[in-house]
N, C-alpha and C. Protein backbone atom coordinates (compact mmCIF):
# COMPACT_ATOMS: atom_id res chain seq x y z
N UNK A 1 -48.62 31.46 13.61
CA UNK A 1 -47.47 30.63 13.33
C UNK A 1 -47.79 29.19 13.75
N UNK A 2 -47.55 28.29 12.84
CA UNK A 2 -47.85 26.89 13.11
C UNK A 2 -46.81 26.30 14.06
N UNK A 3 -47.25 25.29 14.80
CA UNK A 3 -46.32 24.57 15.68
C UNK A 3 -45.37 23.72 14.87
N UNK A 4 -44.28 23.35 15.48
CA UNK A 4 -43.28 22.54 14.80
C UNK A 4 -43.71 21.09 14.83
N UNK A 5 -43.67 20.43 13.68
CA UNK A 5 -44.04 19.02 13.59
C UNK A 5 -42.88 18.22 13.03
N UNK A 6 -42.68 17.02 13.57
CA UNK A 6 -41.61 16.16 13.06
C UNK A 6 -42.02 15.57 11.72
N UNK A 7 -41.08 15.51 10.80
CA UNK A 7 -41.32 14.84 9.53
C UNK A 7 -41.35 13.33 9.77
N UNK A 8 -41.85 12.60 8.80
CA UNK A 8 -41.87 11.14 8.91
C UNK A 8 -40.47 10.59 9.10
N UNK A 9 -39.51 11.18 8.39
CA UNK A 9 -38.11 10.75 8.52
C UNK A 9 -37.63 10.94 9.96
N UNK A 10 -37.93 12.10 10.54
CA UNK A 10 -37.49 12.38 11.91
C UNK A 10 -38.15 11.43 12.90
N UNK A 11 -39.43 11.12 12.68
CA UNK A 11 -40.14 10.18 13.56
C UNK A 11 -39.51 8.79 13.46
N UNK A 12 -39.21 8.37 12.23
CA UNK A 12 -38.60 7.06 12.01
C UNK A 12 -37.22 7.01 12.65
N UNK A 13 -36.44 8.06 12.44
CA UNK A 13 -35.10 8.12 13.01
C UNK A 13 -35.17 8.06 14.53
N UNK A 14 -36.10 8.81 15.11
CA UNK A 14 -36.24 8.83 16.57
C UNK A 14 -36.59 7.45 17.10
N UNK A 15 -37.49 6.75 16.42
CA UNK A 15 -37.87 5.42 16.90
C UNK A 15 -36.72 4.44 16.74
N UNK A 16 -35.97 4.57 15.65
CA UNK A 16 -34.83 3.67 15.45
C UNK A 16 -33.69 3.98 16.41
N UNK A 17 -33.52 5.23 16.78
CA UNK A 17 -32.41 5.59 17.66
C UNK A 17 -32.59 5.00 19.06
N UNK A 18 -33.79 4.50 19.35
CA UNK A 18 -34.02 3.80 20.62
C UNK A 18 -33.64 2.33 20.52
N UNK A 19 -33.34 1.87 19.31
CA UNK A 19 -32.97 0.47 19.07
C UNK A 19 -31.44 0.36 19.11
N UNK A 20 -30.92 -0.32 20.11
CA UNK A 20 -29.46 -0.39 20.31
C UNK A 20 -28.73 -0.98 19.11
N UNK A 21 -29.31 -1.99 18.48
CA UNK A 21 -28.67 -2.62 17.33
C UNK A 21 -28.57 -1.63 16.17
N UNK A 22 -29.64 -0.88 15.94
CA UNK A 22 -29.63 0.12 14.87
C UNK A 22 -28.59 1.20 15.16
N UNK A 23 -28.54 1.66 16.39
CA UNK A 23 -27.58 2.71 16.76
C UNK A 23 -26.16 2.21 16.50
N UNK A 24 -25.89 0.97 16.86
CA UNK A 24 -24.57 0.39 16.63
C UNK A 24 -24.24 0.34 15.14
N UNK A 25 -25.19 -0.12 14.33
CA UNK A 25 -24.98 -0.19 12.87
C UNK A 25 -24.79 1.21 12.29
N UNK A 26 -25.59 2.18 12.77
CA UNK A 26 -25.51 3.56 12.29
C UNK A 26 -24.14 4.15 12.61
N UNK A 27 -23.67 3.97 13.84
CA UNK A 27 -22.37 4.50 14.24
C UNK A 27 -21.24 3.84 13.46
N UNK A 28 -21.37 2.53 13.22
CA UNK A 28 -20.36 1.79 12.47
C UNK A 28 -20.27 2.32 11.04
N UNK A 29 -21.42 2.50 10.40
CA UNK A 29 -21.45 3.01 9.02
C UNK A 29 -20.90 4.43 8.97
N UNK A 30 -21.26 5.24 9.95
CA UNK A 30 -20.78 6.62 9.99
C UNK A 30 -19.26 6.65 10.11
N UNK A 31 -18.70 5.78 10.94
CA UNK A 31 -17.25 5.72 11.11
C UNK A 31 -16.57 5.27 9.82
N UNK A 32 -17.15 4.29 9.14
CA UNK A 32 -16.58 3.83 7.87
C UNK A 32 -16.55 4.96 6.85
N UNK A 33 -17.63 5.73 6.78
CA UNK A 33 -17.68 6.86 5.84
C UNK A 33 -16.65 7.91 6.23
N UNK A 34 -16.50 8.16 7.52
CA UNK A 34 -15.48 9.12 7.98
C UNK A 34 -14.08 8.69 7.54
N UNK A 35 -13.77 7.40 7.68
CA UNK A 35 -12.46 6.90 7.27
C UNK A 35 -12.28 7.02 5.76
N UNK A 36 -13.32 6.70 5.00
CA UNK A 36 -13.25 6.82 3.54
C UNK A 36 -13.05 8.28 3.14
N UNK A 37 -13.73 9.19 3.82
CA UNK A 37 -13.57 10.62 3.52
C UNK A 37 -12.16 11.10 3.85
N UNK A 38 -11.60 10.57 4.93
CA UNK A 38 -10.24 10.94 5.31
C UNK A 38 -9.24 10.48 4.25
N UNK A 39 -9.40 9.27 3.75
CA UNK A 39 -8.54 8.75 2.69
C UNK A 39 -8.68 9.61 1.44
N UNK A 40 -9.92 9.96 1.08
CA UNK A 40 -10.15 10.78 -0.11
C UNK A 40 -9.50 12.16 0.04
N UNK A 41 -9.58 12.72 1.23
CA UNK A 41 -8.96 14.01 1.51
C UNK A 41 -7.45 13.94 1.26
N UNK A 42 -6.82 12.87 1.76
CA UNK A 42 -5.38 12.68 1.57
C UNK A 42 -5.06 12.56 0.08
N UNK A 43 -5.85 11.77 -0.64
CA UNK A 43 -5.63 11.61 -2.09
C UNK A 43 -5.74 12.95 -2.81
N UNK A 44 -6.77 13.73 -2.46
CA UNK A 44 -6.97 15.03 -3.10
C UNK A 44 -5.79 15.96 -2.85
N UNK A 45 -5.29 15.96 -1.62
CA UNK A 45 -4.15 16.82 -1.29
C UNK A 45 -2.90 16.40 -2.06
N UNK A 46 -2.72 15.08 -2.22
CA UNK A 46 -1.56 14.59 -2.98
C UNK A 46 -1.68 15.00 -4.45
N UNK A 47 -2.87 14.84 -5.02
CA UNK A 47 -3.08 15.16 -6.44
C UNK A 47 -2.91 16.64 -6.73
N UNK A 48 -3.23 17.50 -5.76
CA UNK A 48 -3.11 18.94 -5.99
C UNK A 48 -1.72 19.47 -5.64
N UNK A 49 -0.85 18.58 -5.15
CA UNK A 49 0.51 18.98 -4.75
C UNK A 49 0.49 20.16 -3.77
N UNK A 50 -0.40 20.10 -2.81
CA UNK A 50 -0.52 21.14 -1.79
C UNK A 50 0.74 21.13 -0.92
N UNK A 51 1.54 22.18 -1.02
CA UNK A 51 2.83 22.21 -0.31
C UNK A 51 2.67 22.34 1.20
N UNK A 52 1.52 22.85 1.65
CA UNK A 52 1.32 22.99 3.10
C UNK A 52 0.83 21.68 3.73
N UNK A 53 0.54 20.69 2.89
CA UNK A 53 0.00 19.42 3.38
C UNK A 53 1.12 18.53 3.90
N UNK A 54 0.98 18.05 5.12
CA UNK A 54 1.97 17.17 5.73
C UNK A 54 1.46 15.73 5.64
N UNK A 55 1.95 15.00 4.67
CA UNK A 55 1.48 13.63 4.40
C UNK A 55 1.73 12.70 5.58
N UNK A 56 2.89 12.80 6.19
CA UNK A 56 3.20 11.91 7.32
C UNK A 56 2.23 12.12 8.48
N UNK A 57 1.92 13.37 8.80
CA UNK A 57 0.95 13.64 9.86
C UNK A 57 -0.42 13.11 9.49
N UNK A 58 -0.82 13.30 8.24
CA UNK A 58 -2.13 12.83 7.78
C UNK A 58 -2.22 11.31 7.87
N UNK A 59 -1.15 10.62 7.47
CA UNK A 59 -1.14 9.15 7.53
C UNK A 59 -1.11 8.66 8.98
N UNK A 60 -0.37 9.35 9.84
CA UNK A 60 -0.36 8.99 11.27
C UNK A 60 -1.76 9.12 11.87
N UNK A 61 -2.44 10.21 11.53
CA UNK A 61 -3.80 10.43 12.02
C UNK A 61 -4.75 9.36 11.50
N UNK A 62 -4.64 9.05 10.21
CA UNK A 62 -5.48 8.01 9.62
C UNK A 62 -5.23 6.67 10.30
N UNK A 63 -3.96 6.35 10.52
CA UNK A 63 -3.61 5.09 11.18
C UNK A 63 -4.22 5.03 12.58
N UNK A 64 -4.17 6.14 13.30
CA UNK A 64 -4.75 6.21 14.64
C UNK A 64 -6.25 5.98 14.58
N UNK A 65 -6.93 6.62 13.64
CA UNK A 65 -8.38 6.47 13.51
C UNK A 65 -8.76 5.03 13.14
N UNK A 66 -7.98 4.41 12.26
CA UNK A 66 -8.24 3.01 11.88
C UNK A 66 -8.05 2.10 13.10
N UNK A 67 -7.00 2.34 13.87
CA UNK A 67 -6.75 1.53 15.07
C UNK A 67 -7.89 1.68 16.07
N UNK A 68 -8.35 2.90 16.28
CA UNK A 68 -9.47 3.14 17.20
C UNK A 68 -10.72 2.42 16.72
N UNK A 69 -10.98 2.52 15.41
CA UNK A 69 -12.15 1.87 14.82
C UNK A 69 -12.06 0.36 14.97
N UNK A 70 -10.89 -0.21 14.69
CA UNK A 70 -10.69 -1.66 14.80
C UNK A 70 -10.86 -2.12 16.24
N UNK A 71 -10.30 -1.36 17.17
CA UNK A 71 -10.43 -1.70 18.59
C UNK A 71 -11.90 -1.67 19.02
N UNK A 72 -12.61 -0.64 18.58
CA UNK A 72 -14.04 -0.51 18.91
C UNK A 72 -14.83 -1.69 18.37
N UNK A 73 -14.50 -2.12 17.14
CA UNK A 73 -15.21 -3.26 16.53
C UNK A 73 -14.94 -4.55 17.29
N UNK A 74 -13.70 -4.71 17.78
CA UNK A 74 -13.36 -5.93 18.53
C UNK A 74 -14.13 -6.00 19.85
N UNK A 75 -14.39 -4.83 20.45
CA UNK A 75 -15.12 -4.79 21.71
C UNK A 75 -16.61 -5.05 21.52
N UNK A 76 -17.10 -4.79 20.31
CA UNK A 76 -18.54 -4.94 20.06
C UNK A 76 -18.96 -6.39 19.96
């Protein structure tokens, strides 16, 4: 059985993850995608008329996540 070897992508990612600026940009982009996915989820639930979906709770949660994201950006 051969030993485990890191792919070039994994090596590159590991070297970049030691770079604080890259980590900050990566986390920022990941958060933006999470917020976009949350909005898309809400849209999908509205379009399917899912009766178990609580729109007010979903919007409250989204608002909370946006506030946290905005606060984090201001601190950066």
